[in-house]
Amino acid sequence: MKTSPSYVPVINLPSLLRKVIKAYALKAGIRDCGCELYRIGRSRNWQLKATFEQIENIIDFIITSEEPSWQWLATYLATQRQTLSHDELIRIAKIKPDITVNQLMARTDCTIAQARKVIDELEWHE
């Protein structure tokens, strides 16, 4: 499945504000990372529209904040970022051209086969 380069994944955040303390600070921090955070209609569910790099920044922000009620969100986002498409993996690898298979696997939680395929494609197309 090919995705357009401007594709930005959307992650559902069920009952976001009911699970956190200091919700305004969390929402401000997420928006400072350049992401779109919005409520779905009048429900208690929210959606986050963010690129892979922005999700990494949010996870780092949450971990450094040391707010215990936010840690579930860092864990949830880490599991959501594991489903990267092949095109997204190539885009990530192009940002850092000297990335190794192990570094790509560590950064994106992709399989060794996916990482090797991405690295091979980038080396053969140069």
N, C-alpha and C. Protein backbone atom coordinates (compact mmCIF):
# COMPACT_ATOMS: atom_id res chain seq x y z
N MET A 1 0.84 -1.18 0.00
CA MET A 1 0.00 0.00 0.00
C MET A 1 0.89 1.25 0.00
N LYS A 2 0.74 2.06 -0.99
CA LYS A 2 1.49 3.30 -1.09
C LYS A 2 0.73 4.41 -0.38
N THR A 3 1.48 5.25 0.32
CA THR A 3 0.87 6.41 0.97
C THR A 3 1.53 7.64 0.40
N SER A 4 0.79 8.74 0.39
CA SER A 4 1.34 9.97 -0.13
C SER A 4 2.35 10.54 0.86
N PRO A 5 3.32 11.31 0.38
CA PRO A 5 4.33 11.86 1.28
C PRO A 5 3.74 12.80 2.33
N SER A 6 2.58 13.37 2.05
CA SER A 6 1.98 14.30 3.00
C SER A 6 1.04 13.60 3.96
N TYR A 7 0.99 12.28 3.93
CA TYR A 7 0.11 11.53 4.81
C TYR A 7 0.57 11.67 6.25
N VAL A 8 -0.36 12.03 7.12
CA VAL A 8 -0.07 12.13 8.55
C VAL A 8 -1.07 11.22 9.27
N PRO A 9 -0.58 10.22 10.00
CA PRO A 9 -1.49 9.29 10.66
C PRO A 9 -2.28 9.96 11.78
N VAL A 10 -3.47 9.42 12.03
CA VAL A 10 -4.33 9.89 13.10
C VAL A 10 -4.45 8.79 14.13
N ILE A 11 -4.23 9.13 15.39
CA ILE A 11 -4.29 8.18 16.49
C ILE A 11 -5.45 8.55 17.39
N ASN A 12 -6.33 7.58 17.66
CA ASN A 12 -7.45 7.81 18.57
C ASN A 12 -6.96 7.73 20.01
N LEU A 13 -7.42 8.68 20.81
CA LEU A 13 -7.07 8.72 22.22
C LEU A 13 -8.35 8.64 23.05
N PRO A 14 -8.77 7.43 23.41
CA PRO A 14 -10.04 7.27 24.14
C PRO A 14 -9.96 7.82 25.56
N SER A 15 -10.94 8.61 25.93
CA SER A 15 -11.07 9.17 27.29
C SER A 15 -9.80 9.87 27.76
N LEU A 16 -9.21 10.65 26.90
CA LEU A 16 -7.93 11.30 27.20
C LEU A 16 -7.97 12.11 28.49
N LEU A 17 -8.91 13.04 28.59
CA LEU A 17 -8.90 13.96 29.72
C LEU A 17 -9.34 13.32 31.02
N ARG A 18 -10.05 12.22 30.95
CA ARG A 18 -10.47 11.54 32.18
C ARG A 18 -9.33 10.75 32.81
N LYS A 19 -8.31 10.47 32.05
CA LYS A 19 -7.20 9.64 32.53
C LYS A 19 -6.01 10.45 33.01
N VAL A 20 -6.01 11.77 32.78
CA VAL A 20 -4.82 12.56 33.11
C VAL A 20 -5.15 13.67 34.10
N ILE A 21 -4.12 14.05 34.84
CA ILE A 21 -4.18 15.22 35.71
C ILE A 21 -3.35 16.29 34.99
N LYS A 22 -3.69 17.53 35.16
CA LYS A 22 -3.03 18.65 34.48
C LYS A 22 -3.20 18.51 32.96
N ALA A 23 -4.44 18.35 32.54
CA ALA A 23 -4.74 18.14 31.12
C ALA A 23 -4.35 19.34 30.26
N TYR A 24 -4.51 20.55 30.78
CA TYR A 24 -4.16 21.73 29.99
C TYR A 24 -2.67 21.75 29.66
N ALA A 25 -1.84 21.38 30.63
CA ALA A 25 -0.40 21.35 30.39
C ALA A 25 -0.04 20.27 29.37
N LEU A 26 -0.71 19.11 29.45
CA LEU A 26 -0.46 18.04 28.49
C LEU A 26 -0.87 18.46 27.08
N LYS A 27 -2.06 19.05 26.96
CA LYS A 27 -2.51 19.48 25.63
C LYS A 27 -1.60 20.56 25.06
N ALA A 28 -1.14 21.48 25.91
CA ALA A 28 -0.23 22.53 25.44
C ALA A 28 1.10 21.94 24.99
N GLY A 29 1.61 20.97 25.73
CA GLY A 29 2.87 20.32 25.36
C GLY A 29 2.76 19.57 24.05
N ILE A 30 1.63 18.90 23.84
CA ILE A 30 1.41 18.17 22.59
C ILE A 30 1.33 19.14 21.42
N ARG A 31 0.61 20.22 21.61
CA ARG A 31 0.49 21.20 20.53
C ARG A 31 1.81 21.92 20.27
N ASP A 32 2.64 22.09 21.29
CA ASP A 32 3.96 22.70 21.11
C ASP A 32 4.86 21.83 20.24
N CYS A 33 4.58 20.53 20.20
CA CYS A 33 5.35 19.62 19.34
C CYS A 33 4.93 19.74 17.88
N GLY A 34 3.92 20.56 17.60
CA GLY A 34 3.48 20.77 16.22
C GLY A 34 2.37 19.84 15.77
N CYS A 35 1.73 19.16 16.70
CA CYS A 35 0.68 18.20 16.37
C CYS A 35 -0.69 18.84 16.44
N GLU A 36 -1.64 18.18 15.82
CA GLU A 36 -3.03 18.59 15.92
C GLU A 36 -3.71 17.66 16.91
N LEU A 37 -4.31 18.23 17.94
CA LEU A 37 -5.05 17.46 18.93
C LEU A 37 -6.46 18.03 18.96
N TYR A 38 -7.43 17.19 18.69
CA TYR A 38 -8.79 17.69 18.67
C TYR A 38 -9.77 16.65 19.20
N ARG A 39 -10.87 17.16 19.70
CA ARG A 39 -11.91 16.33 20.28
C ARG A 39 -12.81 15.82 19.17
N ILE A 40 -13.29 14.59 19.31
CA ILE A 40 -14.20 14.01 18.33
C ILE A 40 -15.62 14.39 18.73
N GLY A 41 -16.18 15.34 18.00
CA GLY A 41 -17.54 15.79 18.29
C GLY A 41 -17.67 16.26 19.72
N ARG A 42 -18.71 15.78 20.39
CA ARG A 42 -18.94 16.14 21.78
C ARG A 42 -18.60 14.99 22.72
N SER A 43 -17.90 14.01 22.20
CA SER A 43 -17.56 12.84 23.01
C SER A 43 -16.36 13.14 23.91
N ARG A 44 -15.99 12.16 24.72
CA ARG A 44 -14.83 12.32 25.59
C ARG A 44 -13.56 11.82 24.91
N ASN A 45 -13.69 11.38 23.67
CA ASN A 45 -12.55 10.85 22.92
C ASN A 45 -11.89 11.94 22.09
N TRP A 46 -10.58 11.82 21.95
CA TRP A 46 -9.78 12.79 21.22
C TRP A 46 -9.02 12.08 20.12
N GLN A 47 -8.51 12.86 19.16
CA GLN A 47 -7.65 12.33 18.11
C GLN A 47 -6.39 13.17 18.01
N LEU A 48 -5.30 12.49 17.72
CA LEU A 48 -3.99 13.13 17.58
C LEU A 48 -3.52 12.90 16.16
N LYS A 49 -3.22 13.98 15.48
CA LYS A 49 -2.69 13.90 14.12
C LYS A 49 -1.24 14.33 14.19
N ALA A 50 -0.32 13.33 13.98
CA ALA A 50 1.10 13.61 14.18
C ALA A 50 1.95 12.70 13.31
N THR A 51 3.10 13.22 12.90
CA THR A 51 4.07 12.42 12.16
C THR A 51 4.86 11.57 13.15
N PHE A 52 5.68 10.68 12.62
CA PHE A 52 6.51 9.81 13.46
C PHE A 52 7.42 10.64 14.37
N GLU A 53 8.06 11.65 13.81
CA GLU A 53 8.98 12.49 14.59
C GLU A 53 8.23 13.24 15.69
N GLN A 54 7.02 13.72 15.38
CA GLN A 54 6.24 14.42 16.38
C GLN A 54 5.81 13.49 17.51
N ILE A 55 5.48 12.25 17.16
CA ILE A 55 5.12 11.27 18.19
C ILE A 55 6.32 11.01 19.10
N GLU A 56 7.51 10.89 18.50
CA GLU A 56 8.72 10.73 19.32
C GLU A 56 8.92 11.91 20.26
N ASN A 57 8.68 13.13 19.76
CA ASN A 57 8.82 14.32 20.59
C ASN A 57 7.81 14.33 21.73
N ILE A 58 6.59 13.90 21.46
CA ILE A 58 5.57 13.84 22.52
C ILE A 58 5.97 12.83 23.59
N ILE A 59 6.45 11.66 23.16
CA ILE A 59 6.87 10.64 24.13
C ILE A 59 8.01 11.18 24.99
N ASP A 60 8.98 11.85 24.38
CA ASP A 60 10.08 12.44 25.14
C ASP A 60 9.58 13.50 26.12
N PHE A 61 8.63 14.33 25.66
CA PHE A 61 8.05 15.37 26.51
C PHE A 61 7.37 14.75 27.73
N ILE A 62 6.61 13.69 27.51
CA ILE A 62 5.88 13.05 28.61
C ILE A 62 6.85 12.41 29.59
N ILE A 63 7.86 11.74 29.07
CA ILE A 63 8.82 11.06 29.95
C ILE A 63 9.61 12.08 30.78
N THR A 64 10.02 13.18 30.17
CA THR A 64 10.78 14.18 30.92
C THR A 64 9.92 14.95 31.90
N SER A 65 8.62 15.02 31.66
CA SER A 65 7.74 15.74 32.58
C SER A 65 7.57 15.01 33.90
N GLU A 66 7.73 13.70 33.88
CA GLU A 66 7.62 12.86 35.07
C GLU A 66 6.25 12.97 35.75
N GLU A 67 5.23 13.33 35.01
CA GLU A 67 3.86 13.35 35.55
C GLU A 67 3.32 11.92 35.46
N PRO A 68 3.04 11.28 36.59
CA PRO A 68 2.62 9.87 36.57
C PRO A 68 1.34 9.60 35.78
N SER A 69 0.42 10.52 35.76
CA SER A 69 -0.85 10.27 35.06
C SER A 69 -0.71 10.36 33.54
N TRP A 70 0.43 10.84 33.05
CA TRP A 70 0.64 10.95 31.60
C TRP A 70 1.38 9.74 31.02
N GLN A 71 1.96 8.92 31.87
CA GLN A 71 2.83 7.84 31.39
C GLN A 71 2.08 6.82 30.52
N TRP A 72 0.80 6.61 30.79
CA TRP A 72 0.03 5.67 29.97
C TRP A 72 -0.01 6.14 28.52
N LEU A 73 -0.05 7.46 28.33
CA LEU A 73 -0.10 8.01 26.97
C LEU A 73 1.21 7.75 26.23
N ALA A 74 2.34 7.87 26.92
CA ALA A 74 3.63 7.58 26.29
C ALA A 74 3.69 6.12 25.86
N THR A 75 3.21 5.23 26.70
CA THR A 75 3.18 3.80 26.37
C THR A 75 2.24 3.54 25.22
N TYR A 76 1.08 4.16 25.24
CA TYR A 76 0.08 3.98 24.18
C TYR A 76 0.61 4.48 22.84
N LEU A 77 1.25 5.65 22.83
CA LEU A 77 1.80 6.19 21.59
C LEU A 77 2.94 5.33 21.07
N ALA A 78 3.74 4.77 21.97
CA ALA A 78 4.83 3.89 21.55
C ALA A 78 4.28 2.65 20.85
N THR A 79 3.17 2.12 21.31
CA THR A 79 2.58 0.95 20.64
C THR A 79 1.94 1.34 19.32
N GLN A 80 1.41 2.54 19.23
CA GLN A 80 0.76 2.99 18.00
C GLN A 80 1.77 3.27 16.89
N ARG A 81 2.95 3.70 17.24
CA ARG A 81 3.95 4.04 16.21
C ARG A 81 4.57 2.81 15.58
N GLN A 82 4.32 1.63 16.15
CA GLN A 82 4.91 0.40 15.62
C GLN A 82 4.32 0.01 14.28
N THR A 83 3.21 0.56 13.92
CA THR A 83 2.56 0.18 12.67
C THR A 83 2.91 1.17 11.56
N LEU A 84 4.18 1.29 11.24
CA LEU A 84 4.63 2.20 10.20
C LEU A 84 4.60 1.49 8.84
N SER A 85 4.18 2.21 7.83
CA SER A 85 4.17 1.64 6.48
C SER A 85 5.59 1.65 5.91
N HIS A 86 5.76 0.96 4.80
CA HIS A 86 7.07 0.89 4.14
C HIS A 86 7.52 2.29 3.70
N ASP A 87 6.60 3.07 3.16
CA ASP A 87 6.94 4.42 2.72
C ASP A 87 7.39 5.31 3.89
N GLU A 88 6.76 5.14 5.05
CA GLU A 88 7.16 5.91 6.21
C GLU A 88 8.55 5.51 6.69
N LEU A 89 8.85 4.21 6.63
CA LEU A 89 10.19 3.75 7.00
C LEU A 89 11.25 4.31 6.07
N ILE A 90 10.95 4.37 4.78
CA ILE A 90 11.89 4.94 3.81
C ILE A 90 12.10 6.43 4.09
N ARG A 91 11.02 7.14 4.39
CA ARG A 91 11.12 8.57 4.69
C ARG A 91 11.99 8.81 5.92
N ILE A 92 11.82 7.98 6.94
CA ILE A 92 12.62 8.10 8.16
C ILE A 92 14.10 7.82 7.86
N ALA A 93 14.35 6.80 7.06
CA ALA A 93 15.73 6.44 6.72
C ALA A 93 16.38 7.50 5.83
N LYS A 94 15.61 8.18 4.99
CA LYS A 94 16.17 9.23 4.13
C LYS A 94 16.62 10.44 4.94
N ILE A 95 15.96 10.68 6.06
CA ILE A 95 16.33 11.81 6.91
C ILE A 95 17.75 11.63 7.44
N LYS A 96 18.10 10.39 7.76
CA LYS A 96 19.45 10.09 8.26
C LYS A 96 20.05 9.04 7.33
N PRO A 97 20.73 9.46 6.26
CA PRO A 97 21.20 8.54 5.23
C PRO A 97 22.20 7.49 5.70
N ASP A 98 22.93 7.75 6.77
CA ASP A 98 23.93 6.78 7.24
C ASP A 98 23.38 5.85 8.33
N ILE A 99 22.08 5.72 8.42
CA ILE A 99 21.45 4.89 9.44
C ILE A 99 21.71 3.41 9.13
N THR A 100 21.94 2.63 10.17
CA THR A 100 22.18 1.21 10.00
C THR A 100 20.86 0.44 10.22
N VAL A 101 20.89 -0.84 9.89
CA VAL A 101 19.71 -1.68 10.08
C VAL A 101 19.32 -1.71 11.56
N ASN A 102 20.30 -1.88 12.44
CA ASN A 102 20.02 -1.93 13.88
C ASN A 102 19.47 -0.61 14.40
N GLN A 103 20.01 0.50 13.92
CA GLN A 103 19.51 1.81 14.36
C GLN A 103 18.08 2.04 13.89
N LEU A 104 17.77 1.64 12.66
CA LEU A 104 16.41 1.79 12.14
C LEU A 104 15.44 0.92 12.93
N MET A 105 15.86 -0.30 13.25
CA MET A 105 15.01 -1.19 14.04
C MET A 105 14.77 -0.62 15.44
N ALA A 106 15.81 -0.07 16.05
CA ALA A 106 15.67 0.48 17.40
C ALA A 106 14.78 1.72 17.41
N ARG A 107 14.89 2.52 16.38
CA ARG A 107 14.12 3.77 16.33
C ARG A 107 12.66 3.54 16.00
N THR A 108 12.36 2.57 15.14
CA THR A 108 11.00 2.41 14.65
C THR A 108 10.31 1.13 15.11
N ASP A 109 11.02 0.26 15.78
CA ASP A 109 10.47 -1.03 16.20
C ASP A 109 9.99 -1.87 15.03
N CYS A 110 10.62 -1.71 13.88
CA CYS A 110 10.27 -2.53 12.72
C CYS A 110 11.03 -3.85 12.78
N THR A 111 10.68 -4.77 11.92
CA THR A 111 11.37 -6.06 11.90
C THR A 111 12.69 -5.93 11.15
N ILE A 112 13.54 -6.93 11.31
CA ILE A 112 14.83 -6.90 10.62
C ILE A 112 14.63 -6.99 9.11
N ALA A 113 13.62 -7.73 8.67
CA ALA A 113 13.35 -7.84 7.23
C ALA A 113 12.91 -6.50 6.66
N GLN A 114 12.06 -5.78 7.39
CA GLN A 114 11.61 -4.46 6.92
C GLN A 114 12.79 -3.49 6.85
N ALA A 115 13.63 -3.50 7.88
CA ALA A 115 14.77 -2.59 7.92
C ALA A 115 15.76 -2.88 6.79
N ARG A 116 16.03 -4.16 6.57
CA ARG A 116 16.95 -4.51 5.48
C ARG A 116 16.40 -4.11 4.12
N LYS A 117 15.12 -4.31 3.92
CA LYS A 117 14.49 -3.94 2.65
C LYS A 117 14.60 -2.44 2.41
N VAL A 118 14.36 -1.65 3.45
CA VAL A 118 14.44 -0.19 3.33
C VAL A 118 15.87 0.24 3.02
N ILE A 119 16.84 -0.29 3.77
CA ILE A 119 18.24 0.09 3.56
C ILE A 119 18.70 -0.33 2.17
N ASP A 120 18.33 -1.52 1.73
CA ASP A 120 18.70 -1.99 0.38
C ASP A 120 18.10 -1.09 -0.69
N GLU A 121 16.85 -0.72 -0.55
CA GLU A 121 16.21 0.16 -1.54
C GLU A 121 16.92 1.50 -1.60
N LEU A 122 17.26 2.05 -0.48
CA LEU A 122 17.94 3.35 -0.48
C LEU A 122 19.34 3.26 -1.08
N GLU A 123 20.05 2.17 -0.81
CA GLU A 123 21.40 2.02 -1.38
C GLU A 123 21.36 1.77 -2.87
N TRP A 124 20.38 1.03 -3.36
CA TRP A 124 20.31 0.73 -4.79
C TRP A 124 19.77 1.87 -5.62
N HIS A 125 19.02 2.78 -4.99
CA HIS A 125 18.45 3.91 -5.76
C HIS A 125 19.35 5.13 -5.77
N GLU A 126 20.49 5.05 -5.13
CA GLU A 126 21.39 6.21 -5.10
C GLU A 126 22.20 6.32 -6.36
